[in-house]
């Protein structure tokens, strides 16, 4: 079963960005708020570039339409990784 399917079963109110399943890092939990899906920011930007955007276009689109979009409880969050996904 895919991660997005498992997350959907456990957290049905968490919003999913269509077409970005391979960019999911996990679920973010915070005191006083509902769990939300956490996406790898670098992977989201790379997907935009793979879909034909320049790096500048990808950043602008991401910042305005994804990072800058609040659509209520369950709005996804984005993680800026400093380890490039590698473990020590």
N, C-alpha and C. Protein backbone atom coordinates (compact mmCIF):
# COMPACT_ATOMS: atom_id res chain seq x y z
N UNK A 1 0.85 -1.18 0.00
CA UNK A 1 0.00 0.00 0.00
C UNK A 1 0.90 1.24 0.00
N UNK A 2 0.54 2.23 -0.80
CA UNK A 2 1.30 3.46 -0.89
C UNK A 2 1.17 4.28 0.38
N UNK A 3 2.19 5.12 0.64
CA UNK A 3 2.18 5.97 1.83
C UNK A 3 0.95 6.87 1.85
N UNK A 4 0.60 7.43 0.69
CA UNK A 4 -0.55 8.35 0.64
C UNK A 4 -1.85 7.62 0.99
N UNK A 5 -1.95 6.35 0.64
CA UNK A 5 -3.14 5.57 0.99
C UNK A 5 -3.19 5.31 2.49
N UNK A 6 -2.04 4.96 3.07
CA UNK A 6 -1.98 4.73 4.52
C UNK A 6 -2.32 6.01 5.28
N UNK A 7 -1.74 7.11 4.83
CA UNK A 7 -2.01 8.40 5.48
C UNK A 7 -3.49 8.73 5.36
N UNK A 8 -4.07 8.50 4.18
CA UNK A 8 -5.49 8.78 3.97
C UNK A 8 -6.39 7.99 4.89
N UNK A 9 -6.00 6.76 5.19
CA UNK A 9 -6.79 5.93 6.10
C UNK A 9 -6.67 6.43 7.54
N UNK A 10 -5.45 6.76 7.95
CA UNK A 10 -5.21 7.17 9.33
C UNK A 10 -5.62 8.62 9.59
N UNK A 11 -5.46 9.49 8.57
CA UNK A 11 -5.73 10.92 8.74
C UNK A 11 -6.59 11.41 7.58
N UNK A 12 -7.87 11.05 7.58
CA UNK A 12 -8.74 11.38 6.43
C UNK A 12 -8.93 12.87 6.18
N UNK A 13 -8.67 13.72 7.18
CA UNK A 13 -8.85 15.16 7.00
C UNK A 13 -7.59 15.86 6.48
N UNK A 14 -6.49 15.14 6.41
CA UNK A 14 -5.25 15.72 5.91
C UNK A 14 -5.36 15.88 4.39
N UNK A 15 -5.02 17.05 3.90
CA UNK A 15 -5.15 17.34 2.47
C UNK A 15 -3.94 16.83 1.70
N UNK A 16 -4.22 16.30 0.51
CA UNK A 16 -3.19 15.74 -0.36
C UNK A 16 -3.05 16.62 -1.59
N UNK A 17 -1.82 16.85 -2.01
CA UNK A 17 -1.59 17.57 -3.27
C UNK A 17 -1.55 16.52 -4.38
N UNK A 18 -2.50 16.58 -5.27
CA UNK A 18 -2.59 15.63 -6.38
C UNK A 18 -1.30 15.63 -7.20
N UNK A 19 -0.78 14.45 -7.49
CA UNK A 19 0.40 14.32 -8.33
C UNK A 19 1.72 14.45 -7.62
N UNK A 20 1.71 14.60 -6.31
CA UNK A 20 2.96 14.79 -5.56
C UNK A 20 3.17 13.69 -4.51
N UNK A 21 2.59 12.53 -4.75
CA UNK A 21 2.69 11.44 -3.77
C UNK A 21 4.15 11.07 -3.47
N UNK A 22 5.02 11.11 -4.48
CA UNK A 22 6.41 10.71 -4.26
C UNK A 22 7.21 11.79 -3.53
N UNK A 23 6.58 12.90 -3.20
CA UNK A 23 7.24 13.99 -2.47
C UNK A 23 6.88 13.97 -0.98
N UNK A 24 6.04 13.04 -0.57
CA UNK A 24 5.61 12.97 0.83
C UNK A 24 6.74 12.45 1.71
N UNK A 25 6.97 13.18 2.82
CA UNK A 25 7.96 12.77 3.81
C UNK A 25 7.28 12.00 4.93
N UNK A 26 6.10 12.47 5.32
CA UNK A 26 5.38 11.83 6.42
C UNK A 26 4.23 12.71 6.88
N UNK A 27 3.91 12.60 8.16
CA UNK A 27 2.81 13.36 8.75
C UNK A 27 3.38 14.22 9.87
N UNK A 28 2.96 15.47 9.90
CA UNK A 28 3.43 16.42 10.91
C UNK A 28 2.36 16.56 11.99
N UNK A 29 2.78 16.44 13.24
CA UNK A 29 1.88 16.56 14.38
C UNK A 29 2.30 17.76 15.20
N UNK A 30 1.33 18.52 15.65
CA UNK A 30 1.61 19.66 16.52
C UNK A 30 0.52 19.80 17.55
N UNK A 31 0.90 20.30 18.71
CA UNK A 31 -0.06 20.48 19.79
C UNK A 31 -1.17 21.43 19.35
N UNK A 32 -2.41 21.00 19.54
CA UNK A 32 -3.55 21.84 19.25
C UNK A 32 -3.95 21.92 17.79
N UNK A 33 -3.32 21.12 16.94
CA UNK A 33 -3.69 21.15 15.53
C UNK A 33 -3.82 19.73 14.99
N UNK A 34 -4.55 19.62 13.92
CA UNK A 34 -4.75 18.32 13.28
C UNK A 34 -3.47 17.90 12.55
N UNK A 35 -3.21 16.60 12.45
CA UNK A 35 -2.06 16.14 11.68
C UNK A 35 -2.18 16.55 10.21
N UNK A 36 -1.06 16.91 9.62
CA UNK A 36 -1.03 17.32 8.22
C UNK A 36 0.08 16.57 7.49
N UNK A 37 -0.09 16.44 6.18
CA UNK A 37 0.92 15.78 5.37
C UNK A 37 2.10 16.72 5.19
N UNK A 38 3.30 16.17 5.34
CA UNK A 38 4.54 16.93 5.16
C UNK A 38 5.20 16.49 3.86
N UNK A 39 5.51 17.48 3.03
CA UNK A 39 6.15 17.23 1.74
C UNK A 39 7.59 17.72 1.77
N UNK A 40 8.46 17.04 1.03
CA UNK A 40 9.84 17.46 0.86
C UNK A 40 9.87 18.59 -0.16
N UNK A 41 10.23 19.78 0.29
CA UNK A 41 10.21 20.96 -0.56
C UNK A 41 11.07 20.78 -1.81
N UNK A 42 12.25 20.22 -1.67
CA UNK A 42 13.16 20.04 -2.81
C UNK A 42 12.55 19.10 -3.85
N UNK A 43 11.87 18.05 -3.40
CA UNK A 43 11.24 17.13 -4.33
C UNK A 43 10.07 17.78 -5.06
N UNK A 44 9.34 18.64 -4.37
CA UNK A 44 8.23 19.36 -5.01
C UNK A 44 8.78 20.26 -6.10
N UNK A 45 9.84 21.00 -5.80
CA UNK A 45 10.45 21.89 -6.78
C UNK A 45 11.00 21.09 -7.96
N UNK A 46 11.64 19.98 -7.69
CA UNK A 46 12.19 19.13 -8.75
C UNK A 46 11.07 18.60 -9.65
N UNK A 47 9.94 18.24 -9.08
CA UNK A 47 8.82 17.77 -9.89
C UNK A 47 8.35 18.85 -10.84
N UNK A 48 8.25 20.07 -10.34
CA UNK A 48 7.86 21.19 -11.21
C UNK A 48 8.85 21.34 -12.36
N UNK A 49 10.13 21.23 -12.07
CA UNK A 49 11.14 21.36 -13.12
C UNK A 49 11.08 20.20 -14.09
N UNK A 50 10.80 19.01 -13.60
CA UNK A 50 10.65 17.85 -14.48
C UNK A 50 9.41 17.98 -15.36
N UNK A 51 8.46 18.77 -14.90
CA UNK A 51 7.24 19.03 -15.68
C UNK A 51 7.41 20.19 -16.65
N UNK A 52 8.63 20.75 -16.72
CA UNK A 52 8.93 21.77 -17.73
C UNK A 52 9.19 23.17 -17.24
N UNK A 53 9.10 23.41 -15.94
CA UNK A 53 9.37 24.76 -15.43
C UNK A 53 10.87 24.97 -15.26
N UNK A 54 11.31 26.23 -15.39
CA UNK A 54 12.68 26.56 -15.03
C UNK A 54 12.76 26.55 -13.50
N UNK A 55 13.95 26.61 -12.95
CA UNK A 55 14.07 26.62 -11.49
C UNK A 55 13.41 27.87 -10.91
N UNK A 56 13.54 29.01 -11.59
CA UNK A 56 12.92 30.24 -11.12
C UNK A 56 11.39 30.13 -11.16
N UNK A 57 10.86 29.59 -12.25
CA UNK A 57 9.41 29.40 -12.36
C UNK A 57 8.91 28.44 -11.29
N UNK A 58 9.66 27.38 -11.04
CA UNK A 58 9.26 26.39 -10.04
C UNK A 58 9.18 27.02 -8.66
N UNK A 59 10.20 27.82 -8.30
CA UNK A 59 10.21 28.47 -6.99
C UNK A 59 9.06 29.45 -6.88
N UNK A 60 8.85 30.25 -7.90
CA UNK A 60 7.76 31.24 -7.86
C UNK A 60 6.40 30.55 -7.75
N UNK A 61 6.18 29.50 -8.55
CA UNK A 61 4.91 28.78 -8.50
C UNK A 61 4.72 28.15 -7.13
N UNK A 62 5.76 27.48 -6.63
CA UNK A 62 5.70 26.82 -5.33
C UNK A 62 5.37 27.81 -4.22
N UNK A 63 6.12 28.91 -4.17
CA UNK A 63 5.93 29.87 -3.08
C UNK A 63 4.54 30.49 -3.09
N UNK A 64 4.01 30.78 -4.27
CA UNK A 64 2.70 31.42 -4.33
C UNK A 64 1.55 30.43 -4.20
N UNK A 65 1.63 29.31 -4.93
CA UNK A 65 0.48 28.40 -5.05
C UNK A 65 0.47 27.24 -4.06
N UNK A 66 1.60 26.91 -3.50
CA UNK A 66 1.63 25.77 -2.58
C UNK A 66 2.02 26.22 -1.18
N UNK A 67 3.20 26.77 -1.02
CA UNK A 67 3.63 27.24 0.29
C UNK A 67 2.73 28.36 0.78
N UNK A 68 2.32 29.24 -0.11
CA UNK A 68 1.51 30.39 0.27
C UNK A 68 0.02 30.14 0.32
N UNK A 69 -0.41 28.92 0.10
CA UNK A 69 -1.84 28.62 0.08
C UNK A 69 -2.27 28.02 1.42
N UNK A 70 -3.17 28.70 2.09
CA UNK A 70 -3.79 28.13 3.28
C UNK A 70 -5.23 27.81 2.92
N UNK A 71 -5.58 26.54 2.99
CA UNK A 71 -6.93 26.13 2.61
C UNK A 71 -7.66 25.49 3.80
N UNK A 72 -7.32 25.94 5.00
CA UNK A 72 -8.00 25.46 6.20
C UNK A 72 -7.22 24.38 6.92
N UNK A 73 -7.88 23.83 7.94
CA UNK A 73 -7.28 22.74 8.71
C UNK A 73 -6.87 21.62 7.75
N UNK A 74 -5.72 21.07 7.95
CA UNK A 74 -5.26 19.99 7.10
C UNK A 74 -4.39 20.45 5.96
N UNK A 75 -4.14 21.78 5.84
CA UNK A 75 -3.27 22.29 4.78
C UNK A 75 -1.88 21.67 4.95
N UNK A 76 -1.31 21.13 3.87
CA UNK A 76 0.01 20.50 3.96
C UNK A 76 1.10 21.48 4.40
N UNK A 77 2.19 20.90 4.89
CA UNK A 77 3.39 21.67 5.24
C UNK A 77 4.55 21.16 4.39
N UNK A 78 5.62 21.94 4.35
CA UNK A 78 6.78 21.62 3.52
C UNK A 78 8.03 21.64 4.38
N UNK A 79 8.84 20.61 4.21
CA UNK A 79 10.07 20.48 4.98
C UNK A 79 11.25 20.84 4.09
N UNK A 80 12.09 21.76 4.58
CA UNK A 80 13.33 22.10 3.91
C UNK A 80 14.42 21.28 4.58
N UNK A 81 14.91 20.28 3.88
CA UNK A 81 15.87 19.34 4.46
C UNK A 81 17.28 19.89 4.37
N UNK A 82 18.05 19.64 5.39
CA UNK A 82 19.45 20.04 5.39
C UNK A 82 20.40 18.87 5.23
N UNK A 83 19.84 17.67 5.30
CA UNK A 83 20.67 16.47 5.18
C UNK A 83 20.59 15.83 3.80
N UNK A 84 19.82 16.45 2.90
CA UNK A 84 19.62 15.91 1.55
C UNK A 84 19.10 14.49 1.57
N UNK A 85 18.40 14.12 2.64
CA UNK A 85 17.80 12.81 2.73
C UNK A 85 18.76 11.70 3.14
N UNK A 86 19.96 12.05 3.52
CA UNK A 86 20.96 11.05 3.88
C UNK A 86 21.06 10.94 5.39
N UNK A 87 21.30 9.73 5.84
CA UNK A 87 21.50 9.51 7.27
C UNK A 87 22.98 9.40 7.56
N UNK A 88 23.36 9.79 8.79
CA UNK A 88 24.79 9.70 9.18
C UNK A 88 25.22 8.27 9.36
